[in-house]
Amino acid sequence: MGTLKEDSESTKNAGNIRLWLENITADKDPENILPLFQSAGVIVHLVPEQVKNLPTDSNLKKGTRLKLTLSGLPIMTMSISPQIPGRSVAFVEPASEETLMNHLEKK
């Protein structure tokens, strides 16, 4: 899970969506990549189909908590902040109060 650091950006020509997340937490981290994301956040590049389950664009505003499910060890750049392409993201959903509470209980 992460918090949007800024409003999402849409690339006009390609139609891609850029999410910059900070305050990253994880339910599971078998590849031990969480520390990379916690220091500088992570930028995720998605296509519109990957965020179609979000009710409206207003859910992509600064401060919104999102839950992302990655497809195993993601392909990513080693830049600061790391960047992940959409093909490494299996699912994007709003982090509901229930999701947040369940996550906190596991810690």
Protein backbone atom coordinates (compact mmCIF):
# COMPACT_ATOMS: atom_id res chain seq x y z
CA MET A 1 0.00 0.00 0.00
CA GLY A 2 1.07 3.55 -0.56
CA THR A 3 -0.09 7.14 -0.47
CA LEU A 4 -0.14 9.25 -3.62
CA LYS A 5 2.57 11.88 -3.24
CA GLU A 6 0.95 14.02 -5.93
CA ASP A 7 -2.11 13.96 -8.15
CA SER A 8 -1.73 11.29 -10.82
CA GLU A 9 -0.46 12.39 -14.20
CA SER A 10 -1.72 11.18 -17.53
CA THR A 11 0.60 11.13 -20.53
CA LYS A 12 -1.50 12.70 -23.28
CA ASN A 13 -0.01 10.87 -26.28
CA ALA A 14 0.47 7.42 -24.81
CA GLY A 15 -2.52 7.55 -22.46
CA ASN A 16 -0.45 6.15 -19.60
CA ILE A 17 -1.05 7.04 -15.97
CA ARG A 18 1.80 7.85 -13.60
CA LEU A 19 1.36 7.26 -9.86
CA TRP A 20 4.04 8.44 -7.42
CA LEU A 21 3.55 6.62 -4.13
CA GLU A 22 5.16 7.22 -0.73
CA ASN A 23 4.69 5.83 2.79
CA ILE A 24 4.91 2.35 1.30
CA THR A 25 3.95 -0.69 3.38
CA ALA A 26 3.60 -4.34 2.40
CA ASP A 27 1.61 -7.34 3.56
CA LYS A 28 4.31 -9.61 2.14
CA ASP A 29 7.80 -8.85 0.85
CA PRO A 30 9.54 -12.13 -0.02
CA GLU A 31 11.96 -10.37 -2.38
CA ASN A 32 12.90 -7.79 0.31
CA ILE A 33 12.34 -4.78 -1.97
CA LEU A 34 10.32 -2.73 0.51
CA PRO A 35 13.35 -0.78 1.81
CA LEU A 36 13.98 0.53 -1.74
CA PHE A 37 10.47 1.95 -1.84
CA GLN A 38 10.38 3.34 1.70
CA SER A 39 13.30 5.71 1.29
CA ALA A 40 12.20 7.57 -1.86
CA GLY A 41 8.80 6.18 -2.75
CA VAL A 42 8.06 4.48 -6.05
CA ILE A 43 6.69 5.64 -9.40
CA VAL A 44 4.28 3.25 -11.13
CA HIS A 45 3.36 3.61 -14.81
CA LEU A 46 -0.05 2.14 -15.66
CA VAL A 47 -2.45 1.96 -18.58
CA PRO A 48 -6.04 3.16 -18.06
CA GLU A 49 -7.40 -0.40 -17.97
CA GLN A 50 -5.41 -1.05 -14.79
CA VAL A 51 -7.26 1.66 -12.86
CA LYS A 52 -10.74 1.06 -14.31
CA ASN A 53 -11.90 -0.48 -11.00
CA LEU A 54 -11.30 2.84 -9.22
CA PRO A 55 -14.64 4.67 -8.99
CA THR A 56 -13.47 8.07 -10.37
CA ASP A 57 -10.38 10.07 -11.22
CA SER A 58 -10.84 11.84 -7.88
CA ASN A 59 -9.40 8.69 -6.31
CA LEU A 60 -6.07 9.52 -7.93
CA LYS A 61 -5.46 12.72 -5.97
CA LYS A 62 -2.61 13.49 -3.57
CA GLY A 63 -3.07 11.76 -0.21
CA THR A 64 -5.17 8.87 -1.55
CA ARG A 65 -4.15 5.44 -0.22
CA LEU A 66 -3.95 2.71 -2.87
CA LYS A 67 -3.26 -0.98 -2.65
CA LEU A 68 -1.18 -2.45 -5.48
CA THR A 69 -0.55 -6.12 -6.03
CA LEU A 70 2.68 -6.81 -7.89
CA SER A 71 3.26 -9.77 -10.20
CA GLY A 72 6.16 -11.36 -8.34
CA LEU A 73 9.49 -9.56 -8.45
CA PRO A 74 8.74 -6.44 -10.49
CA ILE A 75 10.79 -5.09 -13.35
CA MET A 76 12.04 -1.72 -12.14
CA THR A 77 14.57 0.99 -12.70
CA MET A 78 17.20 1.61 -10.07
CA SER A 79 16.57 5.36 -10.22
CA ILE A 80 15.52 7.43 -7.24
CA SER A 81 12.55 6.97 -6.99
CA PRO A 82 12.42 3.45 -8.45
CA GLN A 83 9.98 3.10 -11.37
CA ILE A 84 7.79 0.09 -12.12
CA PRO A 85 6.05 -0.53 -15.46
CA GLY A 86 2.40 -1.53 -15.55
CA ARG A 87 3.12 -5.06 -16.70
CA SER A 88 4.60 -5.73 -13.24
CA VAL A 89 1.36 -4.65 -11.54
CA ALA A 90 -1.36 -7.30 -11.25
CA PHE A 91 -4.04 -5.20 -9.56
CA VAL A 92 -4.74 -1.65 -8.27
CA GLU A 93 -7.51 -0.85 -5.79
CA PRO A 94 -8.41 1.83 -3.28
CA ALA A 95 -7.18 1.02 0.22
CA SER A 96 -10.44 0.81 2.14
CA GLU A 97 -10.68 1.36 5.90
CA GLU A 98 -11.08 -2.42 6.28
CA THR A 99 -7.94 -3.05 4.21
CA LEU A 100 -6.00 -0.54 6.30
CA MET A 101 -7.22 -2.05 9.59
CA ASN A 102 -6.36 -5.59 8.46
CA HIS A 103 -2.91 -4.40 7.40
CA LEU A 104 -2.28 -2.71 10.76
CA GLU A 105 -3.42 -5.81 12.66
CA LYS A 106 -0.82 -7.94 10.83
CA LYS A 107 2.04 -5.67 11.98
